[in-house]
Amino acid sequence: MRSEAGIIVAITAAVTAYIEEEKPLQPLMARRRLTGASNSWSGSGREEIMRMRTLWQRRIASGR
C-alpha cells in the first residue's frame, strides 16, 4: 500500500511540474493555433463532410 501511495505522489508531482512548465508557453501556443487554422483546403473538406452528414440525416429523418 505504501509503494502505491508513493507512485501516486510521484505521478502527481510529475504532472504538476509539466503543467507549470507549459504555463509560460500557453500564449505562444494560442497564437500559433490561430494562424495555422487558415488552410482553405482543410476548411473546404470539413464543410463538405458536414454537408454530406446533413444530407444523410435528412434522408434518414424523411424515411420514417
N, C-alpha and C. Protein backbone atom coordinates (compact mmCIF):
# COMPACT_ATOMS: atom_id res chain seq x y z
N MET A 1 0.81 -1.19 0.00
CA MET A 1 0.00 0.00 0.00
C MET A 1 0.86 1.26 0.00
N ARG A 2 1.96 1.21 0.72
CA ARG A 2 2.83 2.38 0.80
C ARG A 2 3.48 2.68 -0.55
N SER A 3 3.87 1.64 -1.27
CA SER A 3 4.51 1.87 -2.56
C SER A 3 3.52 2.46 -3.56
N GLU A 4 2.26 2.05 -3.49
CA GLU A 4 1.25 2.63 -4.37
C GLU A 4 1.05 4.11 -4.09
N ALA A 5 1.06 4.48 -2.83
CA ALA A 5 0.90 5.89 -2.47
C ALA A 5 2.10 6.69 -2.97
N GLY A 6 3.28 6.13 -2.88
CA GLY A 6 4.47 6.80 -3.38
C GLY A 6 4.44 6.99 -4.88
N ILE A 7 3.93 5.99 -5.58
CA ILE A 7 3.81 6.08 -7.03
C ILE A 7 2.81 7.17 -7.41
N ILE A 8 1.70 7.22 -6.69
CA ILE A 8 0.69 8.24 -6.98
C ILE A 8 1.24 9.63 -6.73
N VAL A 9 1.99 9.79 -5.64
CA VAL A 9 2.59 11.08 -5.33
C VAL A 9 3.59 11.48 -6.42
N ALA A 10 4.39 10.53 -6.89
CA ALA A 10 5.37 10.81 -7.93
C ALA A 10 4.70 11.20 -9.24
N ILE A 11 3.64 10.51 -9.61
CA ILE A 11 2.92 10.82 -10.85
C ILE A 11 2.28 12.20 -10.74
N THR A 12 1.66 12.49 -9.60
CA THR A 12 1.03 13.79 -9.40
C THR A 12 2.06 14.92 -9.49
N ALA A 13 3.22 14.70 -8.88
CA ALA A 13 4.27 15.71 -8.91
C ALA A 13 4.77 15.92 -10.34
N ALA A 14 4.91 14.85 -11.09
CA ALA A 14 5.38 14.96 -12.48
C ALA A 14 4.38 15.71 -13.34
N VAL A 15 3.11 15.40 -13.19
CA VAL A 15 2.07 16.08 -13.98
C VAL A 15 2.01 17.56 -13.62
N THR A 16 2.09 17.86 -12.33
CA THR A 16 2.08 19.25 -11.89
C THR A 16 3.28 20.01 -12.44
N ALA A 17 4.45 19.40 -12.40
CA ALA A 17 5.65 20.06 -12.93
C ALA A 17 5.51 20.30 -14.43
N TYR A 18 4.93 19.35 -15.15
CA TYR A 18 4.74 19.50 -16.59
C TYR A 18 3.79 20.67 -16.89
N ILE A 19 2.71 20.75 -16.14
CA ILE A 19 1.74 21.82 -16.35
C ILE A 19 2.37 23.18 -16.03
N GLU A 20 3.11 23.25 -14.94
CA GLU A 20 3.76 24.50 -14.57
C GLU A 20 4.80 24.90 -15.61
N GLU A 21 5.46 23.94 -16.22
CA GLU A 21 6.47 24.22 -17.24
C GLU A 21 5.83 24.76 -18.51
N GLU A 22 4.60 24.33 -18.81
CA GLU A 22 3.91 24.76 -20.02
C GLU A 22 3.22 26.11 -19.88
N LYS A 23 2.95 26.57 -18.68
CA LYS A 23 2.20 27.81 -18.48
C LYS A 23 2.79 29.00 -19.23
N PRO A 24 4.10 29.25 -19.19
CA PRO A 24 4.62 30.42 -19.92
C PRO A 24 4.46 30.30 -21.43
N LEU A 25 4.30 29.10 -21.94
CA LEU A 25 4.20 28.90 -23.39
C LEU A 25 2.77 28.97 -23.91
N GLN A 26 1.78 29.00 -23.04
CA GLN A 26 0.39 28.98 -23.48
C GLN A 26 0.02 30.13 -24.41
N PRO A 27 0.43 31.38 -24.15
CA PRO A 27 0.07 32.45 -25.10
C PRO A 27 0.68 32.22 -26.49
N LEU A 28 1.89 31.69 -26.53
CA LEU A 28 2.52 31.41 -27.82
C LEU A 28 1.79 30.31 -28.57
N MET A 29 1.37 29.27 -27.85
CA MET A 29 0.66 28.16 -28.49
C MET A 29 -0.70 28.61 -28.99
N ALA A 30 -1.37 29.51 -28.27
CA ALA A 30 -2.68 30.00 -28.70
C ALA A 30 -2.54 30.79 -30.00
N ARG A 31 -1.51 31.63 -30.10
CA ARG A 31 -1.30 32.38 -31.33
C ARG A 31 -0.98 31.46 -32.50
N ARG A 32 -0.21 30.44 -32.24
CA ARG A 32 0.17 29.52 -33.31
C ARG A 32 -1.06 28.78 -33.84
N ARG A 33 -1.96 28.38 -32.97
CA ARG A 33 -3.17 27.69 -33.41
C ARG A 33 -4.03 28.59 -34.29
N LEU A 34 -4.14 29.86 -33.93
CA LEU A 34 -4.97 30.77 -34.70
C LEU A 34 -4.42 30.99 -36.10
N THR A 35 -3.12 31.13 -36.22
CA THR A 35 -2.55 31.38 -37.53
C THR A 35 -2.53 30.11 -38.39
N GLY A 36 -2.43 28.94 -37.78
CA GLY A 36 -2.36 27.71 -38.54
C GLY A 36 -3.70 27.20 -39.03
N ALA A 37 -4.79 27.79 -38.58
CA ALA A 37 -6.11 27.29 -38.92
C ALA A 37 -6.68 27.91 -40.20
N SER A 38 -5.88 28.61 -40.98
CA SER A 38 -6.41 29.29 -42.14
C SER A 38 -6.20 28.53 -43.45
N ASN A 39 -6.02 27.24 -43.37
CA ASN A 39 -5.84 26.44 -44.57
C ASN A 39 -7.19 26.25 -45.26
N SER A 40 -7.33 26.76 -46.47
CA SER A 40 -8.62 26.71 -47.14
C SER A 40 -8.99 25.29 -47.58
N TRP A 41 -8.01 24.45 -47.86
CA TRP A 41 -8.32 23.08 -48.27
C TRP A 41 -8.95 22.30 -47.13
N SER A 42 -8.41 22.43 -45.92
CA SER A 42 -8.98 21.70 -44.79
C SER A 42 -10.36 22.24 -44.44
N GLY A 43 -10.53 23.55 -44.53
CA GLY A 43 -11.84 24.14 -44.26
C GLY A 43 -12.88 23.67 -45.25
N SER A 44 -12.48 23.61 -46.52
CA SER A 44 -13.38 23.14 -47.56
C SER A 44 -13.76 21.68 -47.34
N GLY A 45 -12.79 20.89 -46.94
CA GLY A 45 -13.06 19.47 -46.68
C GLY A 45 -14.02 19.27 -45.54
N ARG A 46 -13.82 20.03 -44.45
CA ARG A 46 -14.72 19.92 -43.31
C ARG A 46 -16.14 20.36 -43.69
N GLU A 47 -16.22 21.41 -44.48
CA GLU A 47 -17.52 21.91 -44.91
C GLU A 47 -18.25 20.85 -45.74
N GLU A 48 -17.54 20.18 -46.62
CA GLU A 48 -18.14 19.14 -47.46
C GLU A 48 -18.60 17.95 -46.61
N ILE A 49 -17.80 17.58 -45.62
CA ILE A 49 -18.20 16.49 -44.73
C ILE A 49 -19.48 16.84 -43.98
N MET A 50 -19.56 18.07 -43.47
CA MET A 50 -20.77 18.49 -42.75
C MET A 50 -21.98 18.50 -43.69
N ARG A 51 -21.78 18.94 -44.93
CA ARG A 51 -22.87 18.97 -45.89
C ARG A 51 -23.38 17.55 -46.16
N MET A 52 -22.48 16.59 -46.33
CA MET A 52 -22.89 15.21 -46.59
C MET A 52 -23.62 14.62 -45.38
N ARG A 53 -23.16 14.93 -44.18
CA ARG A 53 -23.84 14.44 -42.98
C ARG A 53 -25.26 14.98 -42.91
N THR A 54 -25.40 16.25 -43.25
CA THR A 54 -26.73 16.86 -43.23
C THR A 54 -27.65 16.17 -44.23
N LEU A 55 -27.14 15.88 -45.42
CA LEU A 55 -27.96 15.18 -46.41
C LEU A 55 -28.38 13.80 -45.93
N TRP A 56 -27.44 13.07 -45.31
CA TRP A 56 -27.78 11.74 -44.79
C TRP A 56 -28.82 11.84 -43.69
N GLN A 57 -28.68 12.82 -42.81
CA GLN A 57 -29.65 12.98 -41.73
C GLN A 57 -31.03 13.32 -42.28
N ARG A 58 -31.10 14.12 -43.32
CA ARG A 58 -32.40 14.45 -43.94
C ARG A 58 -33.02 13.22 -44.57
N ARG A 59 -32.21 12.40 -45.22
CA ARG A 59 -32.73 11.18 -45.84
C ARG A 59 -33.25 10.21 -44.79
N ILE A 60 -32.50 10.07 -43.70
CA ILE A 60 -32.92 9.15 -42.64
C ILE A 60 -34.20 9.64 -41.97
N ALA A 61 -34.27 10.95 -41.69
CA ALA A 61 -35.44 11.51 -41.00
C ALA A 61 -36.69 11.45 -41.89
N SER A 62 -36.53 11.64 -43.21
CA SER A 62 -37.70 11.64 -44.08
C SER A 62 -38.19 10.22 -44.35
N GLY A 63 -37.37 9.21 -44.10
CA GLY A 63 -37.76 7.83 -44.35
C GLY A 63 -38.65 7.25 -43.27
N ARG A 64 -38.82 7.94 -42.19
CA ARG A 64 -39.65 7.40 -41.09
C ARG A 64 -41.10 7.57 -41.32
